[in-house]
Amino acid sequence: MADTRIISIIGRKGSGKTTLAVAMASEFVRKGRRVMTIKHSAHPADVDRPGTDSYLHFREGKVERTLLVAPEERVLFERHADDTDPIDLAHRYLDGADIVLVEGFRQASLPKIEVFRRAASDKPLFEPTRPNASDWIAIVTDDDRFEAPLPVLRFRDTMWLHLLANMAWEKARVI
């Protein structure tokens, strides 16, 4: 991959990580960028239904990989060790991306945008004393009183998404 950027969107459960990832992906696509995503899950993926042919191939046939091909989309089911390094995953599966938006992987050494909403938690994940505090490039919040020693954008701000997308592009790690 040449000049692919990667950035992680993190936050607590229910904070709006997926909503932000989708909004940022749409903004980058609007700008003509080739966008790909990685979504971390702590639970097994439940994307296939018992009884379907692809389910039988992969689950009952116990094959290493099953590629499900349908009009205009493909899904790869793969048995693999729990390698959860998003950079390795991007290199392996997302060749040709201009930018990879990673949802989750808060422990990975990647630039981070945190979504912090009071409805999800009374405090953000960011703490200035954390050893990896320099990984945070911005926090997006609905809390008008929240302050931090890094850019804080508020959902109510005009043009916050445009500004955040530009900031993410500039601060994303090139892999």
C-alpha atoms as a PDB file:
ATOM      1  CA  MET A   1       0.000   0.000   0.000  1.00  0.00           C
ATOM      2  CA  ALA A   2       1.412   3.341  -0.944  1.00  0.00           C
ATOM      3  CA  ASP A   3       0.635   6.334   1.261  1.00  0.00           C
ATOM      4  CA  THR A   4      -2.278   4.762   3.076  1.00  0.00           C
ATOM      5  CA  ARG A   5      -3.299   6.625   6.205  1.00  0.00           C
ATOM      6  CA  ILE A   6      -4.827   4.966   9.266  1.00  0.00           C
ATOM      7  CA  ILE A   7      -6.605   6.455  12.262  1.00  0.00           C
ATOM      8  CA  SER A   8      -8.658   4.989  15.101  1.00  0.00           C
ATOM      9  CA  ILE A   9     -12.036   6.190  16.352  1.00  0.00           C
ATOM     10  CA  ILE A  10     -12.492   5.207  19.976  1.00  0.00           C
ATOM     11  CA  GLY A  11     -14.936   5.770  22.797  1.00  0.00           C
ATOM     12  CA  ARG A  12     -17.061   3.980  25.311  1.00  0.00           C
ATOM     13  CA  LYS A  13     -19.977   1.746  24.343  1.00  0.00           C
ATOM     14  CA  GLY A  14     -22.886   3.805  23.084  1.00  0.00           C
ATOM     15  CA  SER A  15     -20.834   6.968  22.591  1.00  0.00           C
ATOM     16  CA  GLY A  16     -21.360   7.184  18.825  1.00  0.00           C
ATOM     17  CA  LYS A  17     -18.164   5.650  17.405  1.00  0.00           C
ATOM     18  CA  THR A  18     -19.957   3.989  14.494  1.00  0.00           C
ATOM     19  CA  THR A  19     -21.951   7.134  13.722  1.00  0.00           C
ATOM     20  CA  LEU A  20     -18.731   9.162  13.592  1.00  0.00           C
ATOM     21  CA  ALA A  21     -16.900   6.520  11.517  1.00  0.00           C
ATOM     22  CA  VAL A  22     -19.732   6.500   8.962  1.00  0.00           C
ATOM     23  CA  ALA A  23     -19.884  10.308   8.846  1.00  0.00           C
ATOM     24  CA  MET A  24     -16.113  10.600   8.396  1.00  0.00           C
ATOM     25  CA  ALA A  25     -16.089   7.868   5.738  1.00  0.00           C
ATOM     26  CA  SER A  26     -18.818   9.734   3.827  1.00  0.00           C
ATOM     27  CA  GLU A  27     -16.869  12.994   4.112  1.00  0.00           C
ATOM     28  CA  PHE A  28     -13.678  11.398   2.770  1.00  0.00           C
ATOM     29  CA  VAL A  29     -15.586   9.697  -0.073  1.00  0.00           C
ATOM     30  CA  ARG A  30     -17.176  13.062  -0.914  1.00  0.00           C
ATOM     31  CA  LYS A  31     -13.619  14.417  -1.225  1.00  0.00           C
ATOM     32  CA  GLY A  32     -12.738  11.642  -3.671  1.00  0.00           C
ATOM     33  CA  ARG A  33     -10.733   9.492  -1.239  1.00  0.00           C
ATOM     34  CA  ARG A  34     -10.724   5.700  -1.337  1.00  0.00           C
ATOM     35  CA  VAL A  35     -11.912   4.782   2.165  1.00  0.00           C
ATOM     36  CA  MET A  36     -11.834   1.406   3.895  1.00  0.00           C
ATOM     37  CA  THR A  37     -12.716   0.491   7.470  1.00  0.00           C
ATOM     38  CA  ILE A  38     -11.856  -2.003  10.164  1.00  0.00           C
ATOM     39  CA  LYS A  39     -14.417  -2.630  12.903  1.00  0.00           C
ATOM     40  CA  HIS A  40     -13.194  -4.260  16.105  1.00  0.00           C
ATOM     41  CA  SER A  41     -15.581  -6.503  17.986  1.00  0.00           C
ATOM     42  CA  ALA A  42     -15.089  -8.225  21.316  1.00  0.00           C
ATOM     43  CA  HIS A  43     -17.639 -10.852  20.276  1.00  0.00           C
ATOM     44  CA  PRO A  44     -17.680 -13.427  17.451  1.00  0.00           C
ATOM     45  CA  ALA A  45     -19.075 -12.072  14.198  1.00  0.00           C
ATOM     46  CA  ASP A  46     -22.637 -13.198  13.575  1.00  0.00           C
ATOM     47  CA  VAL A  47     -23.015 -12.296   9.921  1.00  0.00           C
ATOM     48  CA  ASP A  48     -24.085 -15.624   8.482  1.00  0.00           C
ATOM     49  CA  ARG A  49     -27.252 -17.644   9.135  1.00  0.00           C
ATOM     50  CA  PRO A  50     -27.430 -21.344   9.998  1.00  0.00           C
ATOM     51  CA  GLY A  51     -28.600 -23.374   7.054  1.00  0.00           C
ATOM     52  CA  THR A  52     -27.215 -21.114   4.326  1.00  0.00           C
ATOM     53  CA  ASP A  53     -24.668 -22.628   1.960  1.00  0.00           C
ATOM     54  CA  SER A  54     -21.907 -20.272   3.114  1.00  0.00           C
ATOM     55  CA  TYR A  55     -22.640 -21.192   6.740  1.00  0.00           C
ATOM     56  CA  LEU A  56     -22.432 -24.884   5.896  1.00  0.00           C
ATOM     57  CA  HIS A  57     -19.164 -24.420   3.989  1.00  0.00           C
ATOM     58  CA  PHE A  58     -17.475 -22.475   6.780  1.00  0.00           C
ATOM     59  CA  ARG A  59     -19.029 -23.722  10.025  1.00  0.00           C
ATOM     60  CA  GLU A  60     -19.809 -27.347   9.266  1.00  0.00           C
ATOM     61  CA  GLY A  61     -17.200 -27.951   6.574  1.00  0.00           C
ATOM     62  CA  LYS A  62     -14.612 -26.292   8.835  1.00  0.00           C
ATOM     63  CA  VAL A  63     -12.760 -24.875   5.829  1.00  0.00           C
ATOM     64  CA  GLU A  64     -10.027 -22.278   6.345  1.00  0.00           C
ATOM     65  CA  ARG A  65     -11.712 -19.638   4.157  1.00  0.00           C
ATOM     66  CA  THR A  66     -15.034 -19.151   2.421  1.00  0.00           C
ATOM     67  CA  LEU A  67     -15.543 -16.289  -0.011  1.00  0.00           C
ATOM     68  CA  LEU A  68     -19.206 -15.422  -0.475  1.00  0.00           C
ATOM     69  CA  VAL A  69     -19.690 -13.611  -3.790  1.00  0.00           C
ATOM     70  CA  ALA A  70     -22.889 -11.719  -4.544  1.00  0.00           C
ATOM     71  CA  PRO A  71     -23.723  -8.916  -6.978  1.00  0.00           C
ATOM     72  CA  GLU A  72     -21.541  -5.914  -6.086  1.00  0.00           C
ATOM     73  CA  GLU A  73     -20.214  -7.342  -2.794  1.00  0.00           C
ATOM     74  CA  ARG A  74     -18.024 -10.037  -1.302  1.00  0.00           C
ATOM     75  CA  VAL A  75     -17.677 -11.392   2.211  1.00  0.00           C
ATOM     76  CA  LEU A  76     -14.652 -13.388   3.330  1.00  0.00           C
ATOM     77  CA  PHE A  77     -15.012 -15.764   6.263  1.00  0.00           C
ATOM     78  CA  GLU A  78     -11.578 -16.765   7.523  1.00  0.00           C
ATOM     79  CA  ARG A  79     -10.246 -18.811  10.397  1.00  0.00           C
ATOM     80  CA  HIS A  80      -7.201 -17.043  11.723  1.00  0.00           C
ATOM     81  CA  ALA A  81      -5.332 -16.510  14.942  1.00  0.00           C
ATOM     82  CA  ASP A  82      -6.475 -13.531  16.938  1.00  0.00           C
ATOM     83  CA  ASP A  83      -4.093 -11.110  15.286  1.00  0.00           C
ATOM     84  CA  THR A  84      -5.582  -7.802  16.222  1.00  0.00           C
ATOM     85  CA  ASP A  85      -2.950  -5.393  14.973  1.00  0.00           C
ATOM     86  CA  PRO A  86      -4.932  -3.028  12.751  1.00  0.00           C
ATOM     87  CA  ILE A  87      -1.863  -2.087  10.713  1.00  0.00           C
ATOM     88  CA  ASP A  88      -1.187  -5.734   9.841  1.00  0.00           C
ATOM     89  CA  LEU A  89      -4.875  -6.225   9.034  1.00  0.00           C
ATOM     90  CA  ALA A  90      -4.883  -3.141   6.784  1.00  0.00           C
ATOM     91  CA  HIS A  91      -1.808  -4.389   4.930  1.00  0.00           C
ATOM     92  CA  ARG A  92      -3.325  -7.858   4.519  1.00  0.00           C
ATOM     93  CA  TYR A  93      -6.877  -6.948   3.474  1.00  0.00           C
ATOM     94  CA  LEU A  94      -7.210  -3.279   2.561  1.00  0.00           C
ATOM     95  CA  ASP A  95      -4.643  -2.679  -0.157  1.00  0.00           C
ATOM     96  CA  GLY A  96      -5.168   0.502  -2.118  1.00  0.00           C
ATOM     97  CA  ALA A  97      -6.964   2.550   0.535  1.00  0.00           C
ATOM     98  CA  ASP A  98      -6.223   6.248   0.794  1.00  0.00           C
ATOM     99  CA  ILE A  99      -7.354   6.105   4.409  1.00  0.00           C
ATOM    100  CA  VAL A 100      -8.386   3.306   6.760  1.00  0.00           C
ATOM    101  CA  LEU A 101     -10.773   4.277   9.538  1.00  0.00           C
ATOM    102  CA  VAL A 102     -10.456   1.890  12.441  1.00  0.00           C
ATOM    103  CA  GLU A 103     -13.308   1.677  14.925  1.00  0.00           C
ATOM    104  CA  GLY A 104     -11.986   0.517  18.256  1.00  0.00           C
ATOM    105  CA  PHE A 105      -8.529  -0.914  18.929  1.00  0.00           C
ATOM    106  CA  ARG A 106      -8.033   1.637  21.677  1.00  0.00           C
ATOM    107  CA  GLN A 107      -4.805  -0.091  22.826  1.00  0.00           C
ATOM    108  CA  ALA A 108      -3.200   0.070  19.358  1.00  0.00           C
ATOM    109  CA  SER A 109      -0.476   2.613  18.791  1.00  0.00           C
ATOM    110  CA  LEU A 110      -2.493   4.684  16.335  1.00  0.00           C
ATOM    111  CA  PRO A 111      -3.623   8.306  16.204  1.00  0.00           C
ATOM    112  CA  LYS A 112      -6.984   8.440  17.975  1.00  0.00           C
ATOM    113  CA  ILE A 113     -10.161  10.469  17.787  1.00  0.00           C
ATOM    114  CA  GLU A 114     -12.315   9.907  20.841  1.00  0.00           C
ATOM    115  CA  VAL A 115     -16.078  10.268  20.888  1.00  0.00           C
ATOM    116  CA  PHE A 116     -17.129  11.368  24.381  1.00  0.00           C
ATOM    117  CA  ARG A 117     -20.819  11.735  25.215  1.00  0.00           C
ATOM    118  CA  ARG A 118     -22.167  12.319  28.705  1.00  0.00           C
ATOM    119  CA  ALA A 119     -24.950   9.791  28.062  1.00  0.00           C
ATOM    120  CA  ALA A 120     -22.316   7.039  27.669  1.00  0.00           C
ATOM    121  CA  SER A 121     -19.943   8.018  30.497  1.00  0.00           C
ATOM    122  CA  ASP A 122     -19.184  10.788  32.944  1.00  0.00           C
ATOM    123  CA  LYS A 123     -15.545  10.987  31.786  1.00  0.00           C
ATOM    124  CA  PRO A 124     -13.612  10.311  28.582  1.00  0.00           C
ATOM    125  CA  LEU A 125     -11.042   7.569  28.024  1.00  0.00           C
ATOM    126  CA  PHE A 126      -8.401  10.274  27.528  1.00  0.00           C
ATOM    127  CA  GLU A 127      -6.254  11.065  30.521  1.00  0.00           C
ATOM    128  CA  PRO A 128      -3.295  13.435  30.084  1.00  0.00           C
ATOM    129  CA  THR A 129      -1.116  11.220  32.294  1.00  0.00           C
ATOM    130  CA  ARG A 130      -1.591   8.046  30.221  1.00  0.00           C
ATOM    131  CA  PRO A 131       1.624   6.796  28.620  1.00  0.00           C
ATOM    132  CA  ASN A 132      -0.097   6.933  25.197  1.00  0.00           C
ATOM    133  CA  ALA A 133      -1.878  10.288  25.709  1.00  0.00           C
ATOM    134  CA  SER A 134       0.025  11.705  22.730  1.00  0.00           C
ATOM    135  CA  ASP A 135      -1.903   9.262  20.461  1.00  0.00           C
ATOM    136  CA  TRP A 136      -5.066  11.368  20.868  1.00  0.00           C
ATOM    137  CA  ILE A 137      -5.467  13.993  18.155  1.00  0.00           C
ATOM    138  CA  ALA A 138      -8.950  15.200  19.071  1.00  0.00           C
ATOM    139  CA  ILE A 139     -12.025  14.583  21.183  1.00  0.00           C
ATOM    140  CA  VAL A 140     -15.525  15.126  19.818  1.00  0.00           C
ATOM    141  CA  THR A 141     -18.108  15.740  22.520  1.00  0.00           C
ATOM    142  CA  ASP A 142     -21.562  16.985  23.383  1.00  0.00           C
ATOM    143  CA  ASP A 143     -20.275  18.363  26.711  1.00  0.00           C
ATOM    144  CA  ASP A 144     -20.012  22.154  26.450  1.00  0.00           C
ATOM    145  CA  ARG A 145     -17.873  22.359  29.608  1.00  0.00           C
ATOM    146  CA  PHE A 146     -15.321  19.692  28.700  1.00  0.00           C
ATOM    147  CA  GLU A 147     -11.749  20.925  28.260  1.00  0.00           C
ATOM    148  CA  ALA A 148      -8.575  18.999  27.364  1.00  0.00           C
ATOM    149  CA  PRO A 149      -4.992  19.796  26.345  1.00  0.00           C
ATOM    150  CA  LEU A 150      -5.794  18.830  22.731  1.00  0.00           C
ATOM    151  CA  PRO A 151      -8.391  19.912  20.173  1.00  0.00           C
ATOM    152  CA  VAL A 152     -11.939  19.478  21.465  1.00  0.00           C
ATOM    153  CA  LEU A 153     -14.710  19.687  18.883  1.00  0.00           C
ATOM    154  CA  ARG A 154     -18.346  19.912  19.818  1.00  0.00           C
ATOM    155  CA  PHE A 155     -21.139  18.296  17.838  1.00  0.00           C
ATOM    156  CA  ARG A 156     -23.018  21.592  17.911  1.00  0.00           C
ATOM    157  CA  ASP A 157     -20.117  23.426  16.227  1.00  0.00           C
ATOM    158  CA  THR A 158     -20.572  24.504  12.627  1.00  0.00           C
ATOM    159  CA  MET A 159     -18.333  22.574  10.218  1.00  0.00           C
ATOM    160  CA  TRP A 160     -17.025  20.234  12.960  1.00  0.00           C
ATOM    161  CA  LEU A 161     -17.060  17.203  10.624  1.00  0.00           C
ATOM    162  CA  HIS A 162     -15.171  19.001   7.855  1.00  0.00           C
ATOM    163  CA  LEU A 163     -12.591  20.257  10.353  1.00  0.00           C
ATOM    164  CA  LEU A 164     -12.254  16.810  11.962  1.00  0.00           C
ATOM    165  CA  ALA A 165     -11.821  15.072   8.597  1.00  0.00           C
ATOM    166  CA  ASN A 166      -9.051  17.516   7.645  1.00  0.00           C
ATOM    167  CA  MET A 167      -7.376  17.056  11.019  1.00  0.00           C
ATOM    168  CA  ALA A 168      -7.641  13.255  10.748  1.00  0.00           C
ATOM    169  CA  TRP A 169      -6.111  13.287   7.269  1.00  0.00           C
ATOM    170  CA  GLU A 170      -3.163  15.393   8.458  1.00  0.00           C
ATOM    171  CA  LYS A 171      -2.557  13.492  11.708  1.00  0.00           C
ATOM    172  CA  ALA A 172      -3.286   9.936  10.494  1.00  0.00           C
ATOM    173  CA  ARG A 173      -0.386   7.504  10.559  1.00  0.00           C
ATOM    174  CA  VAL A 174       1.003   6.717   7.105  1.00  0.00           C
ATOM    175  CA  ILE A 175       1.590   2.971   6.724  1.00  0.00           C
END
